[in-house]
Protein backbone atom coordinates (compact mmCIF):
# COMPACT_ATOMS: atom_id res chain seq x y z
CA MET A 1 22.48 -22.98 1.64
CA LEU A 2 20.65 -23.95 -1.59
CA LEU A 3 19.36 -21.29 -3.90
CA HIS A 4 17.83 -21.45 -7.32
CA ASN A 5 19.89 -19.54 -9.84
CA THR A 6 17.97 -18.16 -12.86
CA LEU A 7 21.25 -17.79 -14.72
CA THR A 8 22.16 -21.49 -14.47
CA ARG A 9 18.48 -22.71 -14.23
CA VAL A 10 19.34 -25.06 -11.35
CA THR A 11 19.21 -25.03 -7.58
CA GLN A 12 22.75 -24.89 -6.37
CA GLU A 13 25.00 -24.47 -3.34
CA PHE A 14 25.36 -20.80 -2.46
CA SER A 15 28.69 -19.50 -1.08
CA PRO A 16 29.67 -15.78 -1.23
CA ILE A 17 32.63 -14.20 -3.05
CA ASP A 18 33.74 -12.70 0.29
CA PRO A 19 33.31 -15.11 3.17
CA GLY A 20 32.75 -11.97 5.43
CA ALA A 21 29.70 -10.59 3.83
CA VAL A 22 26.96 -11.36 1.15
CA THR A 23 26.44 -8.53 -1.32
CA LEU A 24 22.71 -8.37 -2.30
CA TYR A 25 20.98 -6.02 -4.73
CA THR A 26 17.17 -5.87 -5.04
CA CYS A 27 15.38 -3.85 -7.70
CA GLY A 28 13.14 -1.31 -6.04
CA PRO A 29 10.14 0.79 -6.98
CA THR A 30 9.44 3.39 -9.76
CA VAL A 31 8.05 6.11 -7.36
CA TYR A 32 5.21 7.50 -9.56
CA ASN A 33 2.39 5.46 -7.95
CA TYR A 34 1.55 3.24 -5.08
CA TYR A 35 3.16 -0.27 -4.66
CA HIS A 36 0.50 -2.87 -5.52
CA ILE A 37 0.29 -6.29 -3.93
CA GLY A 38 2.41 -7.93 -6.64
CA ASN A 39 5.25 -5.60 -5.83
CA LEU A 40 4.73 -6.28 -2.13
CA ARG A 41 5.21 -10.03 -2.95
CA ASN A 42 8.69 -9.04 -4.37
CA ALA A 43 9.47 -7.09 -1.24
CA VAL A 44 8.64 -10.04 1.07
CA PHE A 45 10.53 -12.33 -1.02
CA ASN A 46 13.68 -10.09 -0.95
CA ASP A 47 13.19 -9.78 2.89
CA THR A 48 12.89 -13.33 3.34
CA LEU A 49 16.06 -14.15 1.38
CA ARG A 50 18.06 -11.64 3.52
CA ARG A 51 16.61 -13.02 6.73
CA ALA A 52 17.43 -16.55 5.61
CA LEU A 53 20.97 -15.47 4.77
CA GLN A 54 21.41 -13.80 8.16
CA GLY A 55 19.88 -16.79 9.96
CA ALA A 56 22.43 -19.04 8.12
CA GLY A 57 25.25 -16.88 9.70
CA TYR A 58 25.96 -14.40 6.87
CA ASN A 59 26.48 -10.75 7.12
CA VAL A 60 24.39 -9.15 4.42
CA LEU A 61 25.24 -5.85 2.59
CA HIS A 62 21.94 -4.88 0.95
CA VAL A 63 21.22 -2.09 -1.53
CA MET A 64 17.86 -1.37 -3.13
CA ASN A 65 17.24 1.37 -5.77
CA ILE A 66 14.60 4.02 -5.96
CA THR A 67 13.83 4.72 -9.57
CA ASP A 68 12.94 8.51 -9.66
CA VAL A 69 13.86 9.21 -13.24
CA GLY A 70 14.20 7.59 -16.70
CA HIS A 71 11.72 4.66 -16.43
CA LEU A 72 9.63 5.07 -19.69
CA VAL A 73 6.22 3.40 -20.07
CA SER A 74 7.68 1.09 -22.77
CA ASP A 75 10.80 -1.10 -22.54
CA ALA A 76 11.22 -0.25 -26.25
CA ASP A 77 12.67 3.32 -25.29
CA ASP A 78 9.16 4.68 -26.22
CA GLY A 79 6.52 6.75 -24.29
CA GLU A 80 6.93 9.25 -21.60
CA ASP A 81 8.75 9.08 -18.33
CA LYS A 82 6.70 7.48 -15.77
CA LEU A 83 7.50 10.17 -13.19
CA GLU A 84 6.44 12.80 -15.81
CA LYS A 85 3.35 10.97 -16.31
CA GLY A 86 2.68 10.83 -12.56
CA ALA A 87 3.38 14.58 -12.23
CA LYS A 88 0.82 15.42 -15.00
CA ARG A 89 -1.74 13.12 -13.38
CA GLU A 90 -1.53 14.92 -9.98
CA GLY A 91 -0.75 18.40 -10.99
CA LYS A 92 2.61 18.32 -8.96
CA THR A 93 6.33 18.50 -9.85
CA VAL A 94 8.26 15.24 -10.57
CA TRP A 95 10.11 15.82 -7.42
CA GLU A 96 7.05 16.18 -5.29
CA VAL A 97 5.63 13.04 -6.82
CA ALA A 98 8.82 11.15 -6.27
CA GLU A 99 9.08 12.22 -2.59
CA TYR A 100 5.49 11.38 -1.95
CA TYR A 101 5.56 7.94 -3.38
CA THR A 102 8.87 7.15 -1.83
CA ASP A 103 7.47 7.96 1.58
CA CYS A 104 4.42 5.79 0.74
CA PHE A 105 6.69 2.97 -0.27
CA LYS A 106 8.80 3.31 2.91
CA HIS A 107 5.42 3.27 4.88
CA ASP A 108 4.39 0.04 3.32
CA MET A 109 7.77 -1.55 3.96
CA ALA A 110 7.41 -0.72 7.65
CA ALA A 111 3.91 -1.99 7.81
CA MET A 112 5.08 -5.28 6.12
CA ASN A 113 8.08 -5.61 8.48
CA VAL A 114 10.52 -5.41 5.77
CA ILE A 115 13.95 -4.75 6.93
CA PRO A 116 15.46 -1.62 5.05
CA PRO A 117 18.61 -1.88 3.12
CA ASN A 118 21.48 -1.62 5.45
CA GLY A 119 24.39 0.23 3.73
CA TYR A 120 27.03 0.66 1.11
CA LYS A 121 30.76 -0.05 0.92
CA SER A 122 30.99 3.86 0.33
CA SER A 123 29.87 6.26 2.96
CA ALA A 124 29.25 8.99 0.22
CA TYR A 125 25.59 8.30 0.01
CA HIS A 126 23.31 9.15 2.94
CA ASP A 127 20.06 7.23 2.29
CA THR A 128 19.80 3.40 2.73
CA TYR A 129 17.84 3.39 -0.40
CA ALA A 130 19.72 4.40 -3.48
CA ARG A 131 17.70 7.14 -5.54
CA ALA A 132 18.64 7.03 -9.12
CA THR A 133 18.84 10.91 -9.13
CA GLU A 134 21.67 10.67 -6.50
CA PHE A 135 23.81 8.64 -8.78
CA ILE A 136 23.82 10.76 -11.92
CA PRO A 137 27.75 11.22 -11.91
CA ASP A 138 28.08 7.47 -11.61
CA GLN A 139 25.88 6.83 -14.44
CA ILE A 140 27.55 9.39 -16.62
CA LYS A 141 30.94 7.71 -15.98
CA MET A 142 29.44 4.30 -17.02
CA VAL A 143 28.16 5.79 -20.22
CA LYS A 144 31.69 7.26 -20.88
CA ARG A 145 33.19 3.83 -20.42
CA LEU A 146 30.67 2.00 -22.54
CA LEU A 147 31.54 4.59 -25.31
CA GLU A 148 35.27 4.32 -24.84
CA ASN A 149 34.97 0.52 -25.07
CA GLY A 150 32.91 0.48 -28.20
CA PHE A 151 29.75 -0.91 -26.67
CA ALA A 152 27.74 2.33 -27.11
CA TYR A 153 27.07 4.86 -29.98
CA ILE A 154 25.49 8.36 -30.28
CA THR A 155 22.55 9.44 -32.16
CA LYS A 156 20.78 12.78 -32.20
CA GLN A 157 18.20 11.52 -29.70
CA ALA A 158 20.03 9.18 -27.36
CA ILE A 159 23.06 7.17 -26.58
CA TYR A 160 22.36 3.39 -27.13
CA PHE A 161 24.07 0.19 -26.02
CA ASP A 162 25.05 -1.92 -29.07
CA ILE A 163 23.62 -5.47 -28.33
CA SER A 164 25.47 -6.82 -31.20
CA LYS A 165 28.63 -6.42 -29.21
CA SER A 166 27.22 -8.73 -26.46
CA PRO A 167 26.87 -12.10 -28.00
CA ASP A 168 25.72 -13.79 -24.91
CA TYR A 169 23.10 -11.16 -24.17
CA GLY A 170 20.14 -13.67 -23.85
CA LYS A 171 21.85 -16.01 -21.48
CA LEU A 172 19.76 -15.05 -18.51
CA SER A 173 16.31 -15.44 -20.36
CA GLY A 174 17.50 -18.22 -22.73
CA GLN A 175 16.22 -16.15 -25.54
CA THR A 176 18.67 -15.67 -28.48
CA LEU A 177 19.05 -12.38 -30.34
CA SER A 178 17.70 -13.98 -33.53
CA SER A 179 14.45 -15.09 -31.66
CA LYS A 180 14.22 -11.58 -30.29
CA GLU A 181 14.52 -10.27 -33.95
CA THR A 182 11.52 -12.11 -35.03
CA ALA A 183 9.35 -10.64 -32.22
CA VAL A 184 10.13 -7.05 -32.84
CA ARG A 185 7.94 -4.92 -35.13
CA SER A 186 9.87 -2.35 -36.99
CA GLU A 187 7.24 0.41 -36.22
CA VAL A 188 8.25 0.48 -32.55
CA VAL A 189 11.63 1.94 -33.44
CA THR A 190 11.15 5.69 -32.99
CA ASP A 191 14.78 6.72 -33.65
CA GLY A 192 15.79 6.33 -37.26
CA GLU A 193 19.51 6.24 -36.30
CA LYS A 194 19.01 3.36 -33.80
CA ARG A 195 21.00 0.47 -35.42
CA SER A 196 18.87 -2.22 -34.13
CA PRO A 197 15.42 -2.56 -32.47
CA HIS A 198 17.25 -4.39 -29.63
CA ASP A 199 19.61 -1.67 -28.71
CA PHE A 200 18.64 0.14 -25.70
CA ALA A 201 19.12 3.70 -24.50
CA VAL A 202 21.49 4.36 -21.57
CA TRP A 203 21.12 8.09 -21.93
CA PHE A 204 18.31 10.20 -23.59
CA PHE A 205 19.03 13.69 -24.87
CA ALA A 206 16.65 16.64 -24.04
CA VAL A 207 15.43 16.92 -27.74
CA GLY A 208 12.36 16.05 -29.69
CA THR A 209 9.81 14.15 -27.50
CA PHE A 210 11.94 14.80 -24.40
CA SER A 211 12.88 18.47 -25.11
CA GLY A 212 10.67 19.52 -22.21
CA HIS A 213 11.75 16.77 -19.86
CA THR A 214 11.87 18.34 -16.36
CA MET A 215 14.73 16.32 -15.14
CA GLN A 216 17.94 17.16 -17.15
CA TRP A 217 21.53 17.02 -16.39
CA GLU A 218 24.71 18.19 -18.25
CA THR A 219 26.95 15.68 -19.82
CA PRO A 220 29.85 15.78 -22.26
CA TRP A 221 27.43 14.93 -24.98
CA GLY A 222 24.58 17.38 -24.09
CA LYS A 223 21.77 17.65 -21.60
CA GLY A 224 19.60 14.80 -20.88
CA PHE A 225 18.63 11.95 -18.50
CA PRO A 226 19.52 8.37 -17.90
CA GLY A 227 17.77 5.32 -19.20
CA TRP A 228 16.07 3.13 -16.69
CA HIS A 229 18.47 0.10 -17.09
CA LEU A 230 21.54 2.11 -16.51
CA GLU A 231 20.87 3.09 -12.96
CA CYS A 232 20.97 -0.33 -11.53
CA SER A 233 24.31 -1.17 -13.00
CA ALA A 234 25.86 2.14 -11.86
CA ILE A 235 24.24 2.03 -8.44
CA ILE A 236 25.73 -1.49 -7.93
CA HIS A 237 29.12 -0.50 -9.06
CA ALA A 238 29.20 2.60 -6.81
CA THR A 239 27.88 1.03 -3.68
CA LEU A 240 28.62 -2.71 -3.54
CA GLY A 241 31.25 -3.07 -6.28
CA ASP A 242 30.81 -5.69 -8.93
CA PRO A 243 30.49 -8.68 -9.29
CA ILE A 244 28.04 -9.05 -6.46
CA ASP A 245 26.70 -12.29 -4.87
CA ILE A 246 22.88 -11.97 -5.60
CA HIS A 247 20.67 -9.86 -7.60
CA THR A 248 16.93 -10.22 -7.32
CA GLY A 249 13.85 -9.13 -9.19
CA GLY A 250 10.32 -10.25 -10.39
CA ILE A 251 10.20 -12.60 -13.34
CA ASP A 252 9.09 -9.74 -15.50
CA HIS A 253 12.61 -8.52 -15.26
CA ILE A 254 14.16 -11.72 -16.75
CA GLY A 255 13.53 -10.82 -20.50
CA THR A 256 14.80 -7.21 -20.76
CA HIS A 257 15.74 -5.24 -17.70
CA HIS A 258 18.26 -7.64 -16.16
CA PRO A 259 19.79 -8.70 -19.42
CA ASN A 260 20.50 -5.17 -20.19
CA GLU A 261 22.10 -4.60 -16.66
CA ILE A 262 24.28 -7.71 -17.30
CA ALA A 263 25.38 -6.40 -20.83
CA GLN A 264 26.15 -2.85 -19.45
CA THR A 265 28.50 -4.07 -16.64
CA GLN A 266 30.20 -6.54 -18.97
CA GLY A 267 30.66 -3.86 -21.49
CA ALA A 268 31.95 -1.23 -18.98
CA TYR A 269 34.03 -3.46 -16.63
CA SER A 270 34.56 -6.76 -18.48
CA HIS A 271 33.21 -8.96 -15.77
CA GLU A 272 29.87 -10.40 -14.62
CA LEU A 273 27.37 -8.28 -12.84
CA ALA A 274 26.12 -10.95 -10.33
CA ARG A 275 26.83 -14.75 -9.62
CA PHE A 276 23.32 -15.51 -8.49
CA TRP A 277 20.02 -14.26 -10.12
CA MET A 278 16.80 -14.86 -8.31
CA HIS A 279 13.23 -14.10 -9.40
CA ASN A 280 9.88 -14.46 -7.79
CA GLU A 281 6.76 -15.41 -9.64
CA PHE A 282 3.64 -13.26 -10.23
CA MET A 283 0.72 -12.63 -7.90
CA LEU A 284 -2.52 -13.41 -9.52
CA VAL A 285 -5.97 -11.96 -8.37
CA ASP A 286 -8.91 -14.23 -8.56
CA GLY A 287 -6.95 -16.35 -11.11
CA THR A 288 -6.15 -13.48 -13.52
CA LYS A 289 -3.28 -10.96 -13.81
CA MET A 290 -3.62 -7.66 -12.08
CA ALA A 291 -4.61 -4.62 -14.27
CA LYS A 292 -5.95 -1.22 -13.22
CA SER A 293 -8.61 -1.73 -15.91
CA LYS A 294 -9.83 -4.71 -14.06
CA GLY A 295 -9.87 -2.90 -10.73
CA ASN A 296 -7.84 -5.63 -9.12
CA SER A 297 -4.48 -3.82 -8.76
CA TYR A 298 -4.90 -3.75 -5.03
CA THR A 299 -2.61 -1.77 -2.72
CA LEU A 300 -1.75 -2.30 1.06
CA ARG A 301 -4.21 0.51 1.78
CA ASP A 302 -7.04 -1.58 -0.01
CA ILE A 303 -6.08 -4.42 2.37
CA THR A 304 -6.06 -2.46 5.51
CA ASP A 305 -9.17 -0.55 4.71
CA ARG A 306 -11.01 -3.88 4.64
CA GLY A 307 -9.87 -4.61 8.08
CA PHE A 308 -6.91 -6.93 7.41
CA HIS A 309 -3.56 -6.66 9.04
CA PRO A 310 -0.38 -6.04 6.73
CA LEU A 311 1.20 -9.11 8.28
CA ALA A 312 -1.60 -11.26 7.42
CA TYR A 313 -0.79 -10.45 3.80
CA ARG A 314 2.90 -11.16 4.51
CA LEU A 315 1.80 -14.68 5.90
CA LEU A 316 -0.25 -15.34 2.79
CA ILE A 317 2.83 -14.70 0.73
CA LEU A 318 5.01 -16.94 2.86
CA GLN A 319 2.50 -19.73 2.67
CA ALA A 320 3.70 -20.20 -1.17
CA HIS A 321 7.01 -20.69 -2.46
CA TYR A 322 8.48 -17.76 -4.16
CA ARG A 323 8.87 -19.51 -7.53
CA SER A 324 5.21 -20.57 -7.52
CA GLU A 325 2.26 -18.30 -8.51
CA ILE A 326 -0.03 -17.06 -5.82
CA ASN A 327 -3.72 -16.61 -6.39
CA PHE A 328 -4.86 -13.80 -4.19
CA THR A 329 -8.48 -13.67 -3.09
CA TRP A 330 -10.07 -11.98 -0.25
CA GLU A 331 -11.04 -15.44 1.17
CA SER A 332 -7.42 -16.65 1.15
CA LEU A 333 -6.35 -13.39 2.89
CA SER A 334 -9.15 -13.95 5.53
CA ALA A 335 -7.84 -17.45 6.02
CA ALA A 336 -4.26 -16.19 6.51
CA GLN A 337 -5.45 -13.63 9.03
CA ASN A 338 -7.09 -16.36 11.07
CA THR A 339 -3.85 -18.34 10.92
CA LEU A 340 -1.81 -15.36 12.21
CA LEU A 341 -4.39 -14.88 15.07
CA ASN A 342 -3.71 -18.52 16.01
CA LEU A 343 0.08 -17.89 15.93
CA TYR A 344 -0.29 -14.83 18.06
CA ALA A 345 -2.51 -16.82 20.51
CA TRP A 346 0.35 -19.21 20.94
CA ALA A 347 2.91 -16.19 21.26
CA ASP A 348 0.67 -14.71 23.97
CA LEU A 349 1.16 -17.74 26.02
CA LYS A 350 4.33 -16.05 27.38
CA HIS A 351 1.93 -13.72 29.33
CA GLN A 352 0.35 -16.63 31.03
CA GLN A 353 3.51 -18.55 32.31
CA ASN A 354 2.03 -18.78 35.83
CA LEU A 355 -0.29 -21.50 34.50
CA ALA A 356 2.43 -23.63 33.01
CA GLU A 357 2.84 -27.10 34.68
CA VAL A 358 4.82 -29.03 32.09
CA ARG A 359 8.06 -27.57 30.56
CA LEU A 360 9.54 -28.91 27.42
CA SER A 361 13.30 -29.84 27.57
CA ASP A 362 15.89 -27.24 26.80
CA THR A 363 17.19 -29.33 23.71
CA ASP A 364 13.73 -29.03 22.05
CA ILE A 365 14.07 -25.31 21.13
CA PRO A 366 17.44 -25.46 19.21
CA GLU A 367 16.33 -28.63 17.44
CA PHE A 368 13.04 -26.94 16.32
CA LEU A 369 14.85 -23.78 15.25
CA ASP A 370 17.35 -25.94 13.22
CA ARG A 371 14.34 -27.51 11.36
CA VAL A 372 12.93 -24.08 10.38
CA LYS A 373 16.37 -22.86 9.28
CA THR A 374 17.02 -26.03 7.26
CA ALA A 375 13.68 -25.41 5.48
CA LEU A 376 14.69 -21.84 4.64
CA SER A 377 18.16 -22.95 3.56
CA ASP A 378 16.48 -25.10 0.91
CA ASP A 379 15.77 -22.33 -1.65
CA LEU A 380 13.59 -20.43 0.85
CA ALA A 381 11.14 -23.24 1.48
CA THR A 382 8.68 -21.12 3.58
CA THR A 383 5.98 -23.51 3.25
CA ALA A 384 7.92 -26.15 5.00
CA ALA A 385 9.25 -23.61 7.52
CA LEU A 386 5.69 -22.62 8.51
CA SER A 387 4.68 -26.13 8.66
CA GLU A 388 7.27 -26.67 11.37
CA ILE A 389 6.08 -23.61 13.25
CA PHE A 390 2.30 -24.79 13.16
CA ARG A 391 3.31 -28.24 14.22
CA TYR A 392 5.33 -27.11 17.18
CA SER A 393 2.87 -24.45 18.25
CA THR A 394 -0.04 -26.77 18.34
CA SER A 395 2.04 -29.36 20.32
CA LEU A 396 1.78 -27.09 23.26
CA ALA A 397 -1.47 -28.18 24.90
CA PRO A 398 -3.17 -26.04 27.64
CA GLY A 399 -0.98 -26.15 30.62
CA MET A 400 2.15 -27.06 28.62
CA THR A 401 4.33 -23.97 27.74
CA LEU A 402 7.87 -23.14 27.73
CA PRO A 403 9.84 -21.30 30.46
CA ALA A 404 9.30 -17.48 29.98
CA ASP A 405 13.04 -16.75 29.00
CA ASP A 406 13.18 -19.65 26.58
CA PHE A 407 9.87 -18.59 25.03
CA ASP A 408 11.19 -15.07 24.51
CA ILE A 409 14.34 -16.49 22.84
CA LEU A 410 12.26 -18.81 20.58
CA LEU A 411 9.84 -16.16 19.38
CA SER A 412 12.67 -13.71 18.78
CA GLU A 413 14.47 -16.22 16.59
CA LEU A 414 11.34 -16.94 14.65
CA ASP A 415 10.79 -13.23 13.93
CA LEU A 416 14.28 -12.78 12.73
CA LEU A 417 13.65 -15.57 10.14
CA LEU A 418 10.05 -14.73 9.03
CA GLY A 419 9.32 -11.41 10.23
CA LEU A 420 5.80 -11.92 11.67
CA LYS A 421 6.25 -10.05 14.86
CA LEU A 422 5.51 -12.87 17.24
CA ASN A 423 7.57 -11.43 20.01
CA GLY A 424 7.19 -8.13 21.84
CA ARG A 425 3.39 -8.27 21.83
CA PRO A 426 2.04 -6.49 24.91
CA ASN A 427 0.21 -8.28 27.70
CA ILE A 428 -3.43 -7.60 28.24
CA THR A 429 -4.33 -4.54 30.51
CA GLY A 430 -4.73 -4.72 34.18
CA GLU A 431 -8.35 -4.00 33.80
CA GLN A 432 -8.75 -6.99 31.46
CA GLN A 433 -6.73 -9.17 33.82
CA ALA A 434 -9.14 -8.04 36.61
CA ILE A 435 -12.13 -9.08 34.68
CA ILE A 436 -10.72 -12.49 33.92
CA ALA A 437 -9.90 -13.05 37.69
CA ASP A 438 -13.49 -11.92 38.66
CA ARG A 439 -15.00 -14.16 36.11
CA GLU A 440 -12.85 -17.07 37.42
CA THR A 441 -14.03 -16.38 41.06
CA ALA A 442 -17.56 -16.35 39.86
CA ARG A 443 -17.10 -19.62 37.91
CA ILE A 444 -15.50 -21.39 41.02
CA ALA A 445 -18.67 -20.05 43.01
CA LYS A 446 -20.88 -21.37 40.38
CA ASP A 447 -22.28 -17.93 39.78
CA TRP A 448 -22.99 -18.81 36.25
CA ALA A 449 -25.04 -15.57 35.43
CA LYS A 450 -22.15 -13.34 36.70
CA ALA A 451 -19.53 -15.48 34.79
CA ASP A 452 -21.47 -15.21 31.54
CA LYS A 453 -21.91 -11.40 31.90
CA LEU A 454 -18.12 -11.06 32.53
CA ARG A 455 -17.46 -13.26 29.35
CA THR A 456 -19.61 -10.94 27.39
CA LYS A 457 -17.70 -7.94 28.74
CA LEU A 458 -14.41 -9.53 27.74
CA ALA A 459 -15.80 -9.97 24.22
CA LYS A 460 -16.19 -6.30 23.94
CA HIS A 461 -12.45 -6.07 24.85
CA GLN A 462 -11.94 -8.56 21.84
CA LEU A 463 -10.83 -11.28 24.22
CA GLU A 464 -12.12 -14.85 24.60
CA VAL A 465 -11.46 -17.16 27.51
CA SER A 466 -11.05 -20.90 27.72
CA ASP A 467 -11.44 -22.79 30.96
CA THR A 468 -8.72 -25.42 31.45
CA PRO A 469 -7.71 -27.60 34.48
CA ASN A 470 -4.85 -25.14 35.13
CA GLY A 471 -7.01 -22.10 34.88
CA PRO A 472 -8.40 -19.72 32.31
CA ARG A 473 -6.57 -19.21 29.07
CA TRP A 474 -7.24 -15.93 27.14
CA ARG A 475 -6.78 -15.13 23.51
CA ARG A 476 -7.25 -11.97 21.20
CA THR A 477 -10.03 -12.21 18.73
CA SER A 478 -8.64 -9.52 16.38
CA LEU A 479 -5.27 -8.12 15.20
């Protein structure tokens, strides 16, 4: 299997550290607001990677964090905590905000058919999603190790990681410390005891700006709360053990968040955090970046409120390679929904097997699935995988379908790989089948007026019928 590694900047052969399981960590949401469609692209990328690994025969141990404390509005350790900001905005406690948006996130993941994280090497944690606030003791232990190893220092306001102790800090982004130095303005440094603008907080004390911070924990150094970057390193160490095989995120994490994670783990445990780093590109909207000020920071609810199915958006994402930008428009989403309808019409042939006259050979299915898996094994080439599916599905002309059992197996395998829910779709109702049968009787009797009336009745059931030499074929006209 070939995967593009941000760390090495090449697409290379992947093999896990432990042949028995792939350890995968994916950066999750900061639960102070709804996930937008750019975040959802990252979720589908993570899910596609996991499905492709499983399709290649690997067992995958997958952990994703939930950031419910410590993520400030600025990466420069400045501004308020996003959870505190959300609490003020909605007149709730930070705990209520975190719980509500965590539930919203999980709902979105289910709607997009994203497989939840599946577990840890330790059974001490009950949720498949790793909440930062559940790992406070692990984060405190990591801060202690960083201090003991000389990679961190204490000021009155915070405990900082000393980047000067990490000479290869910029290896993921390719940005040297000296180039970062020229990009930093001195006025963004709000702690006068901070040794360098590049140093980042691993723990904030409940003093000064944060004296009224709602979320505080006791430490050997005073009350406070963790920095955003610390949680991922600590969670990985506690749940999967480091180094792990693959760490993912959006490309916006390449410059700061992921280099900080790498530095922390190296400083605390003297080894790498992950062997492969994978990042997905941005989602544009009408050719521009998303921004709340532009009114184009759409959520899944915005999509469904306009009558689109969540899996139509999943298909739109899959139609582009994860390392390419996608330009979201309502027109492109509409086209994706129509394509999904066509795929579902093909999948619904399983309910019309009595009309089949020609059966494809048994060897055709495994060969086709091998082509789909080969595409996904080439750095998640979803566009090539979909092309194989489109070509295969349109090759089944009216009257040419697969044996029912083989069709079930085929659709189930495709669902495991791409998550489009092709299988398990219900048959039309007995009433609808009766209308189709009555229309066919009227058509054979050349009672065209009755046949047309029944066609109109089927349209109200969101069904259309095609007449073939082997009998009527129905398809749904909506999702």
